[in-house]
Amino acid sequence: MGKPAENETLEKTLPPHKARILVIVGAVFLLHAVLLLFLWPHRWPKSYKWLLLPDSVGAYFVLALGVQQLRENKISGEAHEGTDKVTM
């Protein structure tokens, strides 16, 4: 019964390169929201700043998902290094 659970967790993790892309995209979105917050154009009403909330929440979500996937890949990679056996 231990084998199917391991296979299910392996299917849920993203490849490391895709997880890195998520981290980069999340960081870019977060930087965009922060720059808009501090460099808000004077011709735009101040009351529209609440519109940055979805940007920042989405950026945190994407960034956290990418970091989580990278950690899971690292943990599963370390676990598989110890269990791999070379057979000839």
C-alpha atoms as a PDB file:
ATOM      1  CA  MET A   1       0.000   0.000   0.000  1.00  0.00           C
ATOM      2  CA  GLY A   2       2.995   2.300   0.413  1.00  0.00           C
ATOM      3  CA  LYS A   3       3.794   2.371  -3.282  1.00  0.00           C
ATOM      4  CA  PRO A   4       0.559   3.995  -4.589  1.00  0.00           C
ATOM      5  CA  ALA A   5       0.804   6.812  -2.043  1.00  0.00           C
ATOM      6  CA  GLU A   6       4.351   7.575  -3.186  1.00  0.00           C
ATOM      7  CA  ASN A   7       3.258   7.579  -6.825  1.00  0.00           C
ATOM      8  CA  GLU A   8       0.384   9.953  -6.062  1.00  0.00           C
ATOM      9  CA  THR A   9       2.706  12.476  -4.430  1.00  0.00           C
ATOM     10  CA  LEU A  10       5.119  12.263  -7.335  1.00  0.00           C
ATOM     11  CA  GLU A  11       2.342  13.046  -9.800  1.00  0.00           C
ATOM     12  CA  LYS A  12       1.293  16.160  -7.867  1.00  0.00           C
ATOM     13  CA  THR A  13       4.709  17.836  -7.932  1.00  0.00           C
ATOM     14  CA  LEU A  14       5.780  19.993 -10.841  1.00  0.00           C
ATOM     15  CA  PRO A  15       9.112  19.588 -12.574  1.00  0.00           C
ATOM     16  CA  PRO A  16      11.800  21.859 -11.086  1.00  0.00           C
ATOM     17  CA  HIS A  17      11.995  24.128 -14.146  1.00  0.00           C
ATOM     18  CA  LYS A  18       8.253  24.798 -14.052  1.00  0.00           C
ATOM     19  CA  ALA A  19       8.393  25.493 -10.317  1.00  0.00           C
ATOM     20  CA  ARG A  20      11.203  28.007 -10.925  1.00  0.00           C
ATOM     21  CA  ILE A  21       9.070  29.682 -13.597  1.00  0.00           C
ATOM     22  CA  LEU A  22       6.231  30.009 -11.071  1.00  0.00           C
ATOM     23  CA  VAL A  23       8.603  31.627  -8.571  1.00  0.00           C
ATOM     24  CA  ILE A  24       9.853  34.095 -11.181  1.00  0.00           C
ATOM     25  CA  VAL A  25       6.334  34.972 -12.377  1.00  0.00           C
ATOM     26  CA  GLY A  26       5.139  35.433  -8.792  1.00  0.00           C
ATOM     27  CA  ALA A  27       8.079  37.699  -8.016  1.00  0.00           C
ATOM     28  CA  VAL A  28       7.423  39.791 -11.140  1.00  0.00           C
ATOM     29  CA  PHE A  29       3.723  40.190 -10.248  1.00  0.00           C
ATOM     30  CA  LEU A  30       4.611  41.150  -6.689  1.00  0.00           C
ATOM     31  CA  LEU A  31       7.200  43.662  -7.875  1.00  0.00           C
ATOM     32  CA  HIS A  32       4.612  45.103 -10.287  1.00  0.00           C
ATOM     33  CA  ALA A  33       2.079  45.566  -7.492  1.00  0.00           C
ATOM     34  CA  VAL A  34       4.651  47.175  -5.187  1.00  0.00           C
ATOM     35  CA  LEU A  35       5.890  49.548  -7.881  1.00  0.00           C
ATOM     36  CA  LEU A  36       2.340  50.576  -8.734  1.00  0.00           C
ATOM     37  CA  LEU A  37       1.625  51.187  -5.060  1.00  0.00           C
ATOM     38  CA  PHE A  38       4.603  53.497  -4.619  1.00  0.00           C
ATOM     39  CA  LEU A  39       4.677  55.058  -8.089  1.00  0.00           C
ATOM     40  CA  TRP A  40       0.929  55.611  -8.395  1.00  0.00           C
ATOM     41  CA  PRO A  41       0.264  58.094 -11.221  1.00  0.00           C
ATOM     42  CA  HIS A  42      -1.082  61.395  -9.912  1.00  0.00           C
ATOM     43  CA  ARG A  43      -3.850  61.539 -12.487  1.00  0.00           C
ATOM     44  CA  TRP A  44      -5.416  58.301 -11.154  1.00  0.00           C
ATOM     45  CA  PRO A  45      -7.734  58.576  -8.159  1.00  0.00           C
ATOM     46  CA  LYS A  46      -6.253  57.307  -4.891  1.00  0.00           C
ATOM     47  CA  SER A  47      -9.410  55.266  -4.252  1.00  0.00           C
ATOM     48  CA  TYR A  48      -8.427  52.843  -7.033  1.00  0.00           C
ATOM     49  CA  LYS A  49      -5.421  51.548  -5.078  1.00  0.00           C
ATOM     50  CA  TRP A  50      -7.581  48.741  -3.677  1.00  0.00           C
ATOM     51  CA  LEU A  51      -7.465  47.270  -7.187  1.00  0.00           C
ATOM     52  CA  LEU A  52      -3.874  46.244  -6.452  1.00  0.00           C
ATOM     53  CA  LEU A  53      -5.101  43.701  -3.907  1.00  0.00           C
ATOM     54  CA  PRO A  54      -5.891  40.960  -6.474  1.00  0.00           C
ATOM     55  CA  ASP A  55      -2.473  41.477  -8.061  1.00  0.00           C
ATOM     56  CA  SER A  56      -0.655  41.128  -4.779  1.00  0.00           C
ATOM     57  CA  VAL A  57      -2.743  38.161  -3.573  1.00  0.00           C
ATOM     58  CA  GLY A  58      -2.258  36.392  -6.897  1.00  0.00           C
ATOM     59  CA  ALA A  59       1.469  37.109  -6.781  1.00  0.00           C
ATOM     60  CA  TYR A  60       1.761  35.683  -3.261  1.00  0.00           C
ATOM     61  CA  PHE A  61      -0.177  32.584  -4.339  1.00  0.00           C
ATOM     62  CA  VAL A  62       1.954  31.924  -7.416  1.00  0.00           C
ATOM     63  CA  LEU A  63       5.166  32.621  -5.515  1.00  0.00           C
ATOM     64  CA  ALA A  64       4.164  30.335  -2.634  1.00  0.00           C
ATOM     65  CA  LEU A  65       3.099  27.568  -5.023  1.00  0.00           C
ATOM     66  CA  GLY A  66       6.416  27.712  -6.850  1.00  0.00           C
ATOM     67  CA  VAL A  67       8.450  27.673  -3.632  1.00  0.00           C
ATOM     68  CA  GLN A  68       6.369  24.777  -2.282  1.00  0.00           C
ATOM     69  CA  GLN A  69       6.894  22.779  -5.459  1.00  0.00           C
ATOM     70  CA  LEU A  70      10.645  23.452  -5.382  1.00  0.00           C
ATOM     71  CA  ARG A  71      10.813  22.237  -1.766  1.00  0.00           C
ATOM     72  CA  GLU A  72       8.790  19.116  -2.581  1.00  0.00           C
ATOM     73  CA  ASN A  73      11.048  18.373  -5.547  1.00  0.00           C
ATOM     74  CA  LYS A  74      14.115  18.798  -3.346  1.00  0.00           C
ATOM     75  CA  ILE A  75      12.692  16.556  -0.627  1.00  0.00           C
ATOM     76  CA  SER A  76      11.555  13.865  -3.073  1.00  0.00           C
ATOM     77  CA  GLY A  77      14.889  14.059  -4.905  1.00  0.00           C
ATOM     78  CA  GLU A  78      16.807  13.530  -1.679  1.00  0.00           C
ATOM     79  CA  ALA A  79      14.544  10.628  -0.740  1.00  0.00           C
ATOM     80  CA  HIS A  80      15.057   8.957  -4.113  1.00  0.00           C
ATOM     81  CA  GLU A  81      18.842   9.400  -4.041  1.00  0.00           C
ATOM     82  CA  GLY A  82      19.089   7.174  -1.002  1.00  0.00           C
ATOM     83  CA  THR A  83      16.777   4.479  -2.380  1.00  0.00           C
ATOM     84  CA  ASP A  84      18.155   4.214  -5.919  1.00  0.00           C
ATOM     85  CA  LYS A  85      20.139   1.057  -6.502  1.00  0.00           C
ATOM     86  CA  VAL A  86      22.297   0.387  -9.519  1.00  0.00           C
ATOM     87  CA  THR A  87      21.715  -3.049 -10.988  1.00  0.00           C
ATOM     88  CA  MET A  88      23.747  -4.604 -13.746  1.00  0.00           C
END
